[in-house]
Amino acid sequence: MIFANKWAFLLFLLIPIYIFLNYRNKDKSFIFNKTDFFENKLTFRIIIYKLLFPLRIIILILLILSIARPQIVNEKAEKIIKGIDLVLTIDLSKSMLAQDLLPDRISVAKEVIINFIKKQKDNRIGLVVFSGRSFTLSPLTTDYKALESMINDLSVETIKVDGTAIGMAILNSIYLFQNNKERTKVVILLTDGENNVNEVSIDKAIKIAKYKNVKIYTIGLGKKEGVPIPIKIFENNVVYARDINGNIIYSKINEEELKKISIETNGLYFNADKKNILEDIYNKINNLEKTEIKLISKKTFEEKFYYFTIPALFFLILEFILKVTYLVLL
């Protein structure tokens, strides 16, 4: 409990003065001048009469405490959470079957991304997949279980048109964001190839991302030198994709392209050729893009003057009743 009007405590200085004046003028006092005649006849009524003066002191104390405005402080902390809008954009082209990450790139990517989602709390997450075409599998949501289920079902057969349409994938990812300027907008683009479907150019996708204030983190999955793309795997034999001349096709990351996307949208580029590196990348992005939490403390003051006013009024009324009834003959 606190007191809003602390200056009121100065009034306590008047109480000793009041007591001194009362005893100094004892023969004129309302209490003592009448009881002097009954010094040898101490009855219950006279005792009550003598207690009126201490009762007045108590009343004065209670009134001063009431004037001091006693208050109880109620402090309430309000937590405001401002989450991030995050779109996971995943390459599902046939090259994701490459086995430089075991058992293959797509399996490793799915496992790492699901673990990344499990760490989310207040961020809304959308899901876009692409190959030769790009599709939105989930709008922004906090239903993380549904997202995990969708990602677990992904395969290179999810999209029948092969290729790597990075520009269109970025554009579809941007379309998932609402025009909410207070929320951070982030795309995590995971791919193991280069843009070879020019329906939407990389430059156009970057321009729109910058206009919409969307940050893009790009992840190049696989070895920089490239690896063969398995088409069929049976027993211990693997058939790799070949060009029209019979040469094995190697899946290579276009690092310059991915770096350009990330740099111009204030993101970062990463290369992951091992599972643990990919895990570290998603953890790093998760730490960089933290949910904003604000704690706002609010104080309210509850007046409690009646704690002292009501007893003071009660004693005043009690004194009055005693003087006009039980003590009227003294």
C-alpha atoms as a PDB file:
ATOM      1  CA  MET A   1       0.000   0.000   0.000  1.00  0.00           C
ATOM      2  CA  ILE A   2       1.181   3.510  -0.835  1.00  0.00           C
ATOM      3  CA  PHE A   3      -0.106   6.980   0.062  1.00  0.00           C
ATOM      4  CA  ALA A   4      -0.720   9.545  -2.697  1.00  0.00           C
ATOM      5  CA  ASN A   5      -0.833  12.594  -0.389  1.00  0.00           C
ATOM      6  CA  LYS A   6       2.182  12.067   1.846  1.00  0.00           C
ATOM      7  CA  TRP A   7       2.044  15.693   2.977  1.00  0.00           C
ATOM      8  CA  ALA A   8      -1.037  14.749   5.022  1.00  0.00           C
ATOM      9  CA  PHE A   9       1.250  12.958   7.493  1.00  0.00           C
ATOM     10  CA  LEU A  10       2.329  16.424   8.694  1.00  0.00           C
ATOM     11  CA  LEU A  11      -1.071  16.635  10.352  1.00  0.00           C
ATOM     12  CA  PHE A  12       0.137  14.031  12.871  1.00  0.00           C
ATOM     13  CA  LEU A  13       2.158  16.874  14.396  1.00  0.00           C
ATOM     14  CA  LEU A  14      -1.102  18.412  15.561  1.00  0.00           C
ATOM     15  CA  ILE A  15      -2.037  15.396  17.688  1.00  0.00           C
ATOM     16  CA  PRO A  16       0.623  15.958  20.420  1.00  0.00           C
ATOM     17  CA  ILE A  17      -0.397  19.618  20.496  1.00  0.00           C
ATOM     18  CA  TYR A  18      -4.021  18.602  20.906  1.00  0.00           C
ATOM     19  CA  ILE A  19      -3.130  16.210  23.751  1.00  0.00           C
ATOM     20  CA  PHE A  20      -0.953  18.858  25.462  1.00  0.00           C
ATOM     21  CA  LEU A  21      -3.684  21.485  25.289  1.00  0.00           C
ATOM     22  CA  ASN A  22      -6.226  18.999  26.576  1.00  0.00           C
ATOM     23  CA  TYR A  23      -4.195  18.184  29.714  1.00  0.00           C
ATOM     24  CA  ARG A  24      -3.174  21.812  30.211  1.00  0.00           C
ATOM     25  CA  ASN A  25      -6.803  22.862  30.268  1.00  0.00           C
ATOM     26  CA  LYS A  26      -7.894  19.809  32.208  1.00  0.00           C
ATOM     27  CA  ASP A  27     -10.176  21.754  34.438  1.00  0.00           C
ATOM     28  CA  LYS A  28     -11.892  23.146  31.317  1.00  0.00           C
ATOM     29  CA  SER A  29     -11.837  19.892  29.383  1.00  0.00           C
ATOM     30  CA  PHE A  30     -15.127  18.410  28.305  1.00  0.00           C
ATOM     31  CA  ILE A  31     -14.005  15.011  29.547  1.00  0.00           C
ATOM     32  CA  PHE A  32     -12.167  15.631  32.786  1.00  0.00           C
ATOM     33  CA  ASN A  33     -14.108  18.450  34.389  1.00  0.00           C
ATOM     34  CA  LYS A  34     -17.105  16.220  34.940  1.00  0.00           C
ATOM     35  CA  THR A  35     -15.290  13.134  36.079  1.00  0.00           C
ATOM     36  CA  ASP A  36     -13.289  14.946  38.752  1.00  0.00           C
ATOM     37  CA  PHE A  37     -16.370  14.681  40.931  1.00  0.00           C
ATOM     38  CA  PHE A  38     -16.337  10.904  40.583  1.00  0.00           C
ATOM     39  CA  GLU A  39     -12.710  10.097  41.344  1.00  0.00           C
ATOM     40  CA  ASN A  40     -13.715   7.947  44.300  1.00  0.00           C
ATOM     41  CA  LYS A  41     -16.712   6.491  42.509  1.00  0.00           C
ATOM     42  CA  LEU A  42     -15.180   4.715  39.489  1.00  0.00           C
ATOM     43  CA  THR A  43     -18.028   3.023  37.673  1.00  0.00           C
ATOM     44  CA  PHE A  44     -18.281   1.408  34.241  1.00  0.00           C
ATOM     45  CA  ARG A  45     -20.029   4.501  32.900  1.00  0.00           C
ATOM     46  CA  ILE A  46     -17.197   6.764  34.117  1.00  0.00           C
ATOM     47  CA  ILE A  47     -14.578   4.438  32.550  1.00  0.00           C
ATOM     48  CA  ILE A  48     -16.389   4.680  29.227  1.00  0.00           C
ATOM     49  CA  TYR A  49     -16.530   8.446  29.628  1.00  0.00           C
ATOM     50  CA  LYS A  50     -12.764   8.634  30.251  1.00  0.00           C
ATOM     51  CA  LEU A  51     -12.105   6.559  27.128  1.00  0.00           C
ATOM     52  CA  LEU A  52     -13.760   9.139  24.880  1.00  0.00           C
ATOM     53  CA  PHE A  53     -10.591  11.213  24.689  1.00  0.00           C
ATOM     54  CA  PRO A  54      -8.354   8.318  23.457  1.00  0.00           C
ATOM     55  CA  LEU A  55     -11.170   7.443  21.051  1.00  0.00           C
ATOM     56  CA  ARG A  56     -10.961  10.956  19.585  1.00  0.00           C
ATOM     57  CA  ILE A  57      -7.209  10.508  19.088  1.00  0.00           C
ATOM     58  CA  ILE A  58      -7.893   7.283  17.189  1.00  0.00           C
ATOM     59  CA  ILE A  59     -10.512   9.089  15.073  1.00  0.00           C
ATOM     60  CA  LEU A  60      -8.007  11.830  14.245  1.00  0.00           C
ATOM     61  CA  ILE A  61      -5.379   9.264  13.232  1.00  0.00           C
ATOM     62  CA  LEU A  62      -7.867   7.451  11.001  1.00  0.00           C
ATOM     63  CA  LEU A  63      -8.992  10.698   9.336  1.00  0.00           C
ATOM     64  CA  ILE A  64      -5.395  11.777   8.659  1.00  0.00           C
ATOM     65  CA  LEU A  65      -4.634   8.383   7.091  1.00  0.00           C
ATOM     66  CA  SER A  66      -7.744   8.759   4.962  1.00  0.00           C
ATOM     67  CA  ILE A  67      -6.674  12.234   3.794  1.00  0.00           C
ATOM     68  CA  ALA A  68      -3.285  10.750   2.831  1.00  0.00           C
ATOM     69  CA  ARG A  69      -5.158   8.714   0.164  1.00  0.00           C
ATOM     70  CA  PRO A  70      -4.009   5.139   0.690  1.00  0.00           C
ATOM     71  CA  GLN A  71      -3.785   3.205  -2.585  1.00  0.00           C
ATOM     72  CA  ILE A  72      -3.041  -0.324  -3.740  1.00  0.00           C
ATOM     73  CA  VAL A  73      -0.897  -0.534  -6.870  1.00  0.00           C
ATOM     74  CA  ASN A  74      -1.962  -3.135  -9.420  1.00  0.00           C
ATOM     75  CA  GLU A  75       0.798  -3.767 -11.959  1.00  0.00           C
ATOM     76  CA  LYS A  76      -0.072  -5.667 -15.107  1.00  0.00           C
ATOM     77  CA  ALA A  77       2.468  -6.702 -17.727  1.00  0.00           C
ATOM     78  CA  GLU A  78       1.059  -7.023 -21.237  1.00  0.00           C
ATOM     79  CA  LYS A  79       2.988  -9.067 -23.762  1.00  0.00           C
ATOM     80  CA  ILE A  80       2.654  -8.030 -27.392  1.00  0.00           C
ATOM     81  CA  ILE A  81       3.990 -10.560 -29.874  1.00  0.00           C
ATOM     82  CA  LYS A  82       4.779  -9.424 -33.378  1.00  0.00           C
ATOM     83  CA  GLY A  83       5.517 -12.542 -35.430  1.00  0.00           C
ATOM     84  CA  ILE A  84       7.240 -12.955 -38.767  1.00  0.00           C
ATOM     85  CA  ASP A  85       5.613 -13.910 -42.052  1.00  0.00           C
ATOM     86  CA  LEU A  86       7.818 -16.639 -43.465  1.00  0.00           C
ATOM     87  CA  VAL A  87       7.523 -18.536 -46.759  1.00  0.00           C
ATOM     88  CA  LEU A  88       9.447 -21.755 -47.307  1.00  0.00           C
ATOM     89  CA  THR A  89      10.148 -22.103 -51.020  1.00  0.00           C
ATOM     90  CA  ILE A  90      11.397 -25.583 -51.949  1.00  0.00           C
ATOM     91  CA  ASP A  91      12.875 -26.910 -55.178  1.00  0.00           C
ATOM     92  CA  LEU A  92      11.344 -30.257 -56.244  1.00  0.00           C
ATOM     93  CA  SER A  93      13.147 -30.715 -59.548  1.00  0.00           C
ATOM     94  CA  LYS A  94      14.526 -34.157 -60.466  1.00  0.00           C
ATOM     95  CA  SER A  95      18.029 -33.019 -59.505  1.00  0.00           C
ATOM     96  CA  MET A  96      16.884 -33.132 -55.859  1.00  0.00           C
ATOM     97  CA  LEU A  97      17.358 -36.903 -56.114  1.00  0.00           C
ATOM     98  CA  ALA A  98      21.133 -36.402 -56.296  1.00  0.00           C
ATOM     99  CA  GLN A  99      22.935 -38.388 -53.626  1.00  0.00           C
ATOM    100  CA  ASP A 100      25.720 -36.057 -52.582  1.00  0.00           C
ATOM    101  CA  LEU A 101      23.587 -35.761 -49.430  1.00  0.00           C
ATOM    102  CA  LEU A 102      22.457 -39.171 -48.219  1.00  0.00           C
ATOM    103  CA  PRO A 103      20.079 -40.722 -48.889  1.00  0.00           C
ATOM    104  CA  ASP A 104      19.343 -37.865 -51.313  1.00  0.00           C
ATOM    105  CA  ARG A 105      18.913 -34.110 -51.341  1.00  0.00           C
ATOM    106  CA  ILE A 106      15.119 -34.064 -51.118  1.00  0.00           C
ATOM    107  CA  SER A 107      15.009 -36.436 -48.119  1.00  0.00           C
ATOM    108  CA  VAL A 108      17.593 -34.429 -46.206  1.00  0.00           C
ATOM    109  CA  ALA A 109      15.894 -31.125 -47.057  1.00  0.00           C
ATOM    110  CA  LYS A 110      12.483 -32.379 -45.867  1.00  0.00           C
ATOM    111  CA  GLU A 111      13.874 -33.604 -42.550  1.00  0.00           C
ATOM    112  CA  VAL A 112      15.743 -30.377 -41.836  1.00  0.00           C
ATOM    113  CA  ILE A 113      12.804 -28.142 -42.811  1.00  0.00           C
ATOM    114  CA  ILE A 114      10.361 -30.123 -40.644  1.00  0.00           C
ATOM    115  CA  ASN A 115      12.709 -29.700 -37.665  1.00  0.00           C
ATOM    116  CA  PHE A 116      12.895 -25.983 -38.466  1.00  0.00           C
ATOM    117  CA  ILE A 117       9.086 -25.709 -38.379  1.00  0.00           C
ATOM    118  CA  LYS A 118       8.939 -27.505 -35.030  1.00  0.00           C
ATOM    119  CA  LYS A 119      10.965 -24.665 -33.508  1.00  0.00           C
ATOM    120  CA  GLN A 120       8.467 -22.003 -34.587  1.00  0.00           C
ATOM    121  CA  LYS A 121       6.002 -20.471 -32.143  1.00  0.00           C
ATOM    122  CA  ASP A 122       4.350 -17.279 -33.307  1.00  0.00           C
ATOM    123  CA  ASN A 123       5.477 -16.964 -36.907  1.00  0.00           C
ATOM    124  CA  ARG A 124       3.075 -17.514 -39.772  1.00  0.00           C
ATOM    125  CA  ILE A 125       4.524 -19.848 -42.386  1.00  0.00           C
ATOM    126  CA  GLY A 126       3.542 -20.425 -46.016  1.00  0.00           C
ATOM    127  CA  LEU A 127       4.728 -23.156 -48.362  1.00  0.00           C
ATOM    128  CA  VAL A 128       5.627 -22.820 -52.045  1.00  0.00           C
ATOM    129  CA  VAL A 129       7.142 -25.604 -54.159  1.00  0.00           C
ATOM    130  CA  PHE A 130       8.553 -25.415 -57.641  1.00  0.00           C
ATOM    131  CA  SER A 131      10.150 -27.298 -60.472  1.00  0.00           C
ATOM    132  CA  GLY A 132       9.289 -26.387 -64.066  1.00  0.00           C
ATOM    133  CA  ARG A 133       6.193 -24.738 -62.550  1.00  0.00           C
ATOM    134  CA  SER A 134       5.532 -23.166 -59.168  1.00  0.00           C
ATOM    135  CA  PHE A 135       2.619 -23.907 -56.858  1.00  0.00           C
ATOM    136  CA  THR A 136       1.415 -22.670 -53.478  1.00  0.00           C
ATOM    137  CA  LEU A 137       0.752 -25.593 -51.150  1.00  0.00           C
ATOM    138  CA  SER A 138      -0.149 -23.545 -48.084  1.00  0.00           C
ATOM    139  CA  PRO A 139      -0.987 -19.905 -47.363  1.00  0.00           C
ATOM    140  CA  LEU A 140       0.477 -18.247 -44.283  1.00  0.00           C
ATOM    141  CA  THR A 141      -0.578 -20.259 -41.260  1.00  0.00           C
ATOM    142  CA  THR A 142       0.383 -21.226 -37.724  1.00  0.00           C
ATOM    143  CA  ASP A 143      -0.910 -24.767 -38.211  1.00  0.00           C
ATOM    144  CA  TYR A 144       2.569 -26.244 -38.019  1.00  0.00           C
ATOM    145  CA  LYS A 145       1.329 -29.844 -37.887  1.00  0.00           C
ATOM    146  CA  ALA A 146      -0.409 -29.431 -41.236  1.00  0.00           C
ATOM    147  CA  LEU A 147       2.751 -27.916 -42.730  1.00  0.00           C
ATOM    148  CA  GLU A 148       4.867 -30.792 -41.437  1.00  0.00           C
ATOM    149  CA  SER A 149       2.465 -33.268 -43.000  1.00  0.00           C
ATOM    150  CA  MET A 150       2.580 -31.472 -46.362  1.00  0.00           C
ATOM    151  CA  ILE A 151       6.368 -31.368 -46.409  1.00  0.00           C
ATOM    152  CA  ASN A 152       6.601 -35.016 -45.412  1.00  0.00           C
ATOM    153  CA  ASP A 153       4.521 -35.915 -48.515  1.00  0.00           C
ATOM    154  CA  LEU A 154       6.692 -33.929 -50.943  1.00  0.00           C
ATOM    155  CA  SER A 155       8.618 -35.692 -53.695  1.00  0.00           C
ATOM    156  CA  VAL A 156      10.120 -34.898 -57.087  1.00  0.00           C
ATOM    157  CA  GLU A 157       6.871 -36.300 -58.533  1.00  0.00           C
ATOM    158  CA  THR A 158       4.754 -33.639 -56.831  1.00  0.00           C
ATOM    159  CA  ILE A 159       5.181 -31.387 -59.893  1.00  0.00           C
ATOM    160  CA  LYS A 160       5.134 -33.195 -63.228  1.00  0.00           C
ATOM    161  CA  VAL A 161       6.859 -30.451 -65.211  1.00  0.00           C
ATOM    162  CA  ASP A 162      10.605 -30.657 -64.676  1.00  0.00           C
ATOM    163  CA  GLY A 163      12.928 -27.657 -64.630  1.00  0.00           C
ATOM    164  CA  THR A 164      13.840 -24.907 -62.184  1.00  0.00           C
ATOM    165  CA  ALA A 165      11.476 -21.922 -62.255  1.00  0.00           C
ATOM    166  CA  ILE A 166      13.127 -19.804 -59.561  1.00  0.00           C
ATOM    167  CA  GLY A 167      11.690 -16.490 -60.762  1.00  0.00           C
ATOM    168  CA  MET A 168       8.099 -17.758 -60.694  1.00  0.00           C
ATOM    169  CA  ALA A 169       8.695 -19.428 -57.293  1.00  0.00           C
ATOM    170  CA  ILE A 170       9.828 -16.110 -55.806  1.00  0.00           C
ATOM    171  CA  LEU A 171       6.834 -14.327 -57.300  1.00  0.00           C
ATOM    172  CA  ASN A 172       4.377 -16.883 -55.889  1.00  0.00           C
ATOM    173  CA  SER A 173       6.075 -16.590 -52.504  1.00  0.00           C
ATOM    174  CA  ILE A 174       5.715 -12.806 -52.515  1.00  0.00           C
ATOM    175  CA  TYR A 175       2.003 -13.084 -53.344  1.00  0.00           C
ATOM    176  CA  LEU A 176       1.435 -14.920 -50.057  1.00  0.00           C
ATOM    177  CA  PHE A 177       2.349 -11.859 -48.013  1.00  0.00           C
ATOM    178  CA  GLN A 178      -0.315  -9.423 -46.956  1.00  0.00           C
ATOM    179  CA  ASN A 179       0.174  -5.663 -47.004  1.00  0.00           C
ATOM    180  CA  ASN A 180       1.075  -5.586 -43.321  1.00  0.00           C
ATOM    181  CA  LYS A 181       3.965  -3.183 -42.884  1.00  0.00           C
ATOM    182  CA  GLU A 182       4.427  -4.103 -39.219  1.00  0.00           C
ATOM    183  CA  ARG A 183       5.375  -7.726 -39.916  1.00  0.00           C
ATOM    184  CA  THR A 184       8.733  -8.820 -41.280  1.00  0.00           C
ATOM    185  CA  LYS A 185       8.423 -10.696 -44.584  1.00  0.00           C
ATOM    186  CA  VAL A 186      10.981 -13.420 -45.267  1.00  0.00           C
ATOM    187  CA  VAL A 187      11.402 -16.019 -48.013  1.00  0.00           C
ATOM    188  CA  ILE A 188      13.779 -18.971 -47.550  1.00  0.00           C
ATOM    189  CA  LEU A 189      14.520 -20.233 -51.054  1.00  0.00           C
ATOM    190  CA  LEU A 190      16.053 -23.714 -51.217  1.00  0.00           C
ATOM    191  CA  THR A 191      17.274 -24.875 -54.625  1.00  0.00           C
ATOM    192  CA  ASP A 192      19.985 -27.067 -56.124  1.00  0.00           C
ATOM    193  CA  GLY A 193      19.971 -25.623 -59.621  1.00  0.00           C
ATOM    194  CA  GLU A 194      19.774 -22.499 -61.709  1.00  0.00           C
ATOM    195  CA  ASN A 195      16.799 -20.711 -63.183  1.00  0.00           C
ATOM    196  CA  ASN A 196      16.090 -22.367 -66.555  1.00  0.00           C
ATOM    197  CA  VAL A 197      12.427 -21.490 -66.952  1.00  0.00           C
ATOM    198  CA  ASN A 198      12.199 -17.838 -67.962  1.00  0.00           C
ATOM    199  CA  GLU A 199       8.471 -17.263 -67.561  1.00  0.00           C
ATOM    200  CA  VAL A 200       9.455 -14.768 -64.846  1.00  0.00           C
ATOM    201  CA  SER A 201      13.010 -13.441 -64.889  1.00  0.00           C
ATOM    202  CA  ILE A 202      15.170 -13.268 -61.792  1.00  0.00           C
ATOM    203  CA  ASP A 203      15.548  -9.494 -62.212  1.00  0.00           C
ATOM    204  CA  LYS A 204      11.770  -9.002 -62.287  1.00  0.00           C
ATOM    205  CA  ALA A 205      11.325 -11.198 -59.210  1.00  0.00           C
ATOM    206  CA  ILE A 206      13.992  -9.214 -57.336  1.00  0.00           C
ATOM    207  CA  LYS A 207      12.384  -5.916 -58.316  1.00  0.00           C
ATOM    208  CA  ILE A 208       8.990  -6.995 -56.969  1.00  0.00           C
ATOM    209  CA  ALA A 209      10.558  -8.384 -53.768  1.00  0.00           C
ATOM    210  CA  LYS A 210      12.283  -5.070 -53.102  1.00  0.00           C
ATOM    211  CA  TYR A 211       9.084  -3.138 -53.783  1.00  0.00           C
ATOM    212  CA  LYS A 212       7.168  -5.359 -51.344  1.00  0.00           C
ATOM    213  CA  ASN A 213       9.999  -5.140 -48.781  1.00  0.00           C
ATOM    214  CA  VAL A 214      10.520  -8.904 -48.821  1.00  0.00           C
ATOM    215  CA  LYS A 215      13.832 -10.311 -47.602  1.00  0.00           C
ATOM    216  CA  ILE A 216      15.063 -13.456 -49.363  1.00  0.00           C
ATOM    217  CA  TYR A 217      17.516 -15.954 -47.919  1.00  0.00           C
ATOM    218  CA  THR A 218      18.851 -18.280 -50.620  1.00  0.00           C
ATOM    219  CA  ILE A 219      20.280 -21.740 -49.995  1.00  0.00           C
ATOM    220  CA  GLY A 220      22.215 -23.592 -52.689  1.00  0.00           C
ATOM    221  CA  LEU A 221      21.863 -27.293 -51.887  1.00  0.00           C
ATOM    222  CA  GLY A 222      24.569 -29.686 -53.022  1.00  0.00           C
ATOM    223  CA  LYS A 223      28.207 -29.664 -54.073  1.00  0.00           C
ATOM    224  CA  LYS A 224      29.388 -26.605 -55.976  1.00  0.00           C
ATOM    225  CA  GLU A 225      31.097 -28.690 -58.656  1.00  0.00           C
ATOM    226  CA  GLY A 226      27.836 -30.467 -59.399  1.00  0.00           C
ATOM    227  CA  VAL A 227      26.809 -34.139 -59.323  1.00  0.00           C
ATOM    228  CA  PRO A 228      24.967 -36.491 -61.721  1.00  0.00           C
ATOM    229  CA  ILE A 229      21.184 -36.631 -61.549  1.00  0.00           C
ATOM    230  CA  PRO A 230      19.877 -40.163 -60.881  1.00  0.00           C
ATOM    231  CA  ILE A 231      16.812 -41.137 -62.900  1.00  0.00           C
ATOM    232  CA  LYS A 232      16.362 -44.752 -61.885  1.00  0.00           C
ATOM    233  CA  ILE A 233      17.793 -46.630 -58.970  1.00  0.00           C
ATOM    234  CA  PHE A 234      17.466 -50.400 -58.791  1.00  0.00           C
ATOM    235  CA  GLU A 235      19.534 -52.704 -56.615  1.00  0.00           C
ATOM    236  CA  ASN A 236      23.104 -51.327 -56.830  1.00  0.00           C
ATOM    237  CA  ASN A 237      22.713 -49.809 -60.284  1.00  0.00           C
ATOM    238  CA  VAL A 238      21.908 -46.163 -60.922  1.00  0.00           C
ATOM    239  CA  VAL A 239      20.859 -44.630 -64.251  1.00  0.00           C
ATOM    240  CA  TYR A 240      21.832 -40.978 -64.576  1.00  0.00           C
ATOM    241  CA  ALA A 241      20.268 -38.284 -66.725  1.00  0.00           C
ATOM    242  CA  ARG A 242      22.089 -37.636 -70.008  1.00  0.00           C
ATOM    243  CA  ASP A 243      21.875 -35.000 -72.725  1.00  0.00           C
ATOM    244  CA  ILE A 244      21.101 -35.724 -76.409  1.00  0.00           C
ATOM    245  CA  ASN A 245      24.766 -36.525 -76.973  1.00  0.00           C
ATOM    246  CA  GLY A 246      24.788 -39.146 -74.258  1.00  0.00           C
ATOM    247  CA  ASN A 247      26.806 -37.086 -71.796  1.00  0.00           C
ATOM    248  CA  ILE A 248      25.888 -37.243 -68.105  1.00  0.00           C
ATOM    249  CA  ILE A 249      24.101 -34.096 -66.925  1.00  0.00           C
ATOM    250  CA  TYR A 250      25.497 -32.513 -63.791  1.00  0.00           C
ATOM    251  CA  SER A 251      23.331 -30.493 -61.420  1.00  0.00           C
ATOM    252  CA  LYS A 252      25.174 -27.301 -60.569  1.00  0.00           C
ATOM    253  CA  ILE A 253      24.248 -24.386 -58.372  1.00  0.00           C
ATOM    254  CA  ASN A 254      24.281 -20.943 -59.927  1.00  0.00           C
ATOM    255  CA  GLU A 255      25.854 -19.199 -56.940  1.00  0.00           C
ATOM    256  CA  GLU A 256      26.087 -15.827 -58.652  1.00  0.00           C
ATOM    257  CA  GLU A 257      22.368 -15.860 -59.323  1.00  0.00           C
ATOM    258  CA  LEU A 258      21.452 -16.873 -55.766  1.00  0.00           C
ATOM    259  CA  LYS A 259      23.859 -14.339 -54.247  1.00  0.00           C
ATOM    260  CA  LYS A 260      22.328 -11.600 -56.381  1.00  0.00           C
ATOM    261  CA  ILE A 261      18.843 -12.476 -55.150  1.00  0.00           C
ATOM    262  CA  SER A 262      19.859 -12.427 -51.482  1.00  0.00           C
ATOM    263  CA  ILE A 263      22.102  -9.353 -51.593  1.00  0.00           C
ATOM    264  CA  GLU A 264      19.598  -7.153 -53.417  1.00  0.00           C
ATOM    265  CA  THR A 265      16.781  -8.105 -51.022  1.00  0.00           C
ATOM    266  CA  ASN A 266      18.898  -7.688 -47.834  1.00  0.00           C
ATOM    267  CA  GLY A 267      19.097 -11.434 -47.226  1.00  0.00           C
ATOM    268  CA  LEU A 268      22.010 -13.854 -47.160  1.00  0.00           C
ATOM    269  CA  TYR A 269      23.259 -16.660 -49.396  1.00  0.00           C
ATOM    270  CA  PHE A 270      24.340 -20.050 -48.037  1.00  0.00           C
ATOM    271  CA  ASN A 271      25.757 -23.188 -49.585  1.00  0.00           C
ATOM    272  CA  ALA A 272      24.938 -26.541 -47.994  1.00  0.00           C
ATOM    273  CA  ASP A 273      26.649 -29.711 -49.172  1.00  0.00           C
ATOM    274  CA  LYS A 274      26.102 -31.630 -45.929  1.00  0.00           C
ATOM    275  CA  LYS A 275      23.106 -32.264 -43.699  1.00  0.00           C
ATOM    276  CA  ASN A 276      24.643 -30.648 -40.613  1.00  0.00           C
ATOM    277  CA  ILE A 277      25.519 -27.546 -42.626  1.00  0.00           C
ATOM    278  CA  LEU A 278      21.919 -27.282 -43.862  1.00  0.00           C
ATOM    279  CA  GLU A 279      20.693 -27.614 -40.267  1.00  0.00           C
ATOM    280  CA  ASP A 280      23.048 -24.863 -39.141  1.00  0.00           C
ATOM    281  CA  ILE A 281      21.801 -22.600 -41.939  1.00  0.00           C
ATOM    282  CA  TYR A 282      18.152 -22.906 -40.929  1.00  0.00           C
ATOM    283  CA  ASN A 283      19.094 -22.400 -37.272  1.00  0.00           C
ATOM    284  CA  LYS A 284      21.047 -19.287 -38.192  1.00  0.00           C
ATOM    285  CA  ILE A 285      18.150 -17.860 -40.181  1.00  0.00           C
ATOM    286  CA  ASN A 286      15.824 -18.653 -37.277  1.00  0.00           C
ATOM    287  CA  ASN A 287      18.103 -16.698 -34.930  1.00  0.00           C
ATOM    288  CA  LEU A 288      18.464 -13.783 -37.338  1.00  0.00           C
ATOM    289  CA  GLU A 289      14.731 -13.410 -37.850  1.00  0.00           C
ATOM    290  CA  LYS A 290      13.458 -13.432 -34.279  1.00  0.00           C
ATOM    291  CA  THR A 291       9.901 -12.763 -33.263  1.00  0.00           C
ATOM    292  CA  GLU A 292       9.539  -9.339 -31.681  1.00  0.00           C
ATOM    293  CA  ILE A 293       8.126  -9.412 -28.171  1.00  0.00           C
ATOM    294  CA  LYS A 294       7.237  -6.231 -26.313  1.00  0.00           C
ATOM    295  CA  LEU A 295       6.397  -6.124 -22.624  1.00  0.00           C
ATOM    296  CA  ILE A 296       4.215  -3.179 -21.679  1.00  0.00           C
ATOM    297  CA  SER A 297       3.814  -2.626 -17.958  1.00  0.00           C
ATOM    298  CA  LYS A 298       0.630  -0.907 -16.847  1.00  0.00           C
ATOM    299  CA  LYS A 299       0.020   0.378 -13.322  1.00  0.00           C
ATOM    300  CA  THR A 300      -3.397   1.115 -11.905  1.00  0.00           C
ATOM    301  CA  PHE A 301      -4.029   2.696  -8.506  1.00  0.00           C
ATOM    302  CA  GLU A 302      -6.973   1.524  -6.447  1.00  0.00           C
ATOM    303  CA  GLU A 303      -8.140   4.022  -3.822  1.00  0.00           C
ATOM    304  CA  LYS A 304      -8.469   2.504  -0.336  1.00  0.00           C
ATOM    305  CA  PHE A 305      -9.233   5.610   1.778  1.00  0.00           C
ATOM    306  CA  TYR A 306     -12.430   3.955   3.012  1.00  0.00           C
ATOM    307  CA  TYR A 307     -10.265   1.495   4.955  1.00  0.00           C
ATOM    308  CA  PHE A 308      -9.782   4.375   7.431  1.00  0.00           C
ATOM    309  CA  THR A 309     -12.783   6.624   6.711  1.00  0.00           C
ATOM    310  CA  ILE A 310     -15.397   4.002   7.577  1.00  0.00           C
ATOM    311  CA  PRO A 311     -13.896   3.138  11.025  1.00  0.00           C
ATOM    312  CA  ALA A 312     -13.485   6.858  11.748  1.00  0.00           C
ATOM    313  CA  LEU A 313     -17.152   7.528  10.957  1.00  0.00           C
ATOM    314  CA  PHE A 314     -18.155   4.499  13.002  1.00  0.00           C
ATOM    315  CA  PHE A 315     -16.278   5.772  16.073  1.00  0.00           C
ATOM    316  CA  LEU A 316     -17.672   9.307  15.606  1.00  0.00           C
ATOM    317  CA  ILE A 317     -21.203   7.951  15.509  1.00  0.00           C
ATOM    318  CA  LEU A 318     -20.454   5.698  18.474  1.00  0.00           C
ATOM    319  CA  GLU A 319     -19.182   8.672  20.518  1.00  0.00           C
ATOM    320  CA  PHE A 320     -22.235  10.721  19.623  1.00  0.00           C
ATOM    321  CA  ILE A 321     -24.638   7.922  20.569  1.00  0.00           C
ATOM    322  CA  LEU A 322     -22.852   7.317  23.878  1.00  0.00           C
ATOM    323  CA  LYS A 323     -22.924  11.005  24.777  1.00  0.00           C
ATOM    324  CA  VAL A 324     -26.618  11.481  24.055  1.00  0.00           C
ATOM    325  CA  THR A 325     -27.730   8.205  25.627  1.00  0.00           C
ATOM    326  CA  TYR A 326     -25.609   6.184  28.018  1.00  0.00           C
ATOM    327  CA  LEU A 327     -23.409   9.083  29.208  1.00  0.00           C
ATOM    328  CA  VAL A 328     -26.043  11.810  29.159  1.00  0.00           C
ATOM    329  CA  LEU A 329     -26.270  12.005  32.967  1.00  0.00           C
ATOM    330  CA  LEU A 330     -22.525  12.655  33.462  1.00  0.00           C
END
